[in-house]
């Protein structure tokens, strides 16, 4: 989301971001739906954790840790 935003600068300072109207509507819908927003933020968090952590665990290791 927002990967296609056009950034408008003034003297090398970022001033505005322009997105397509369809993307605006999707973003507006997401922000107005608390459950969808919560799910999206959780998804982003998981993706960021995956990027930072190279360590992987087996299902058995996870079950043992949670038991």
Foldseek 3Di string as FASTA:
>chain_A
DLPPWDFDDDPPHTDDTDDDPVVVVVVVVCVVDVVSVVVVVVVVVVVVVVVVDPDDDDPVVVVVVVD
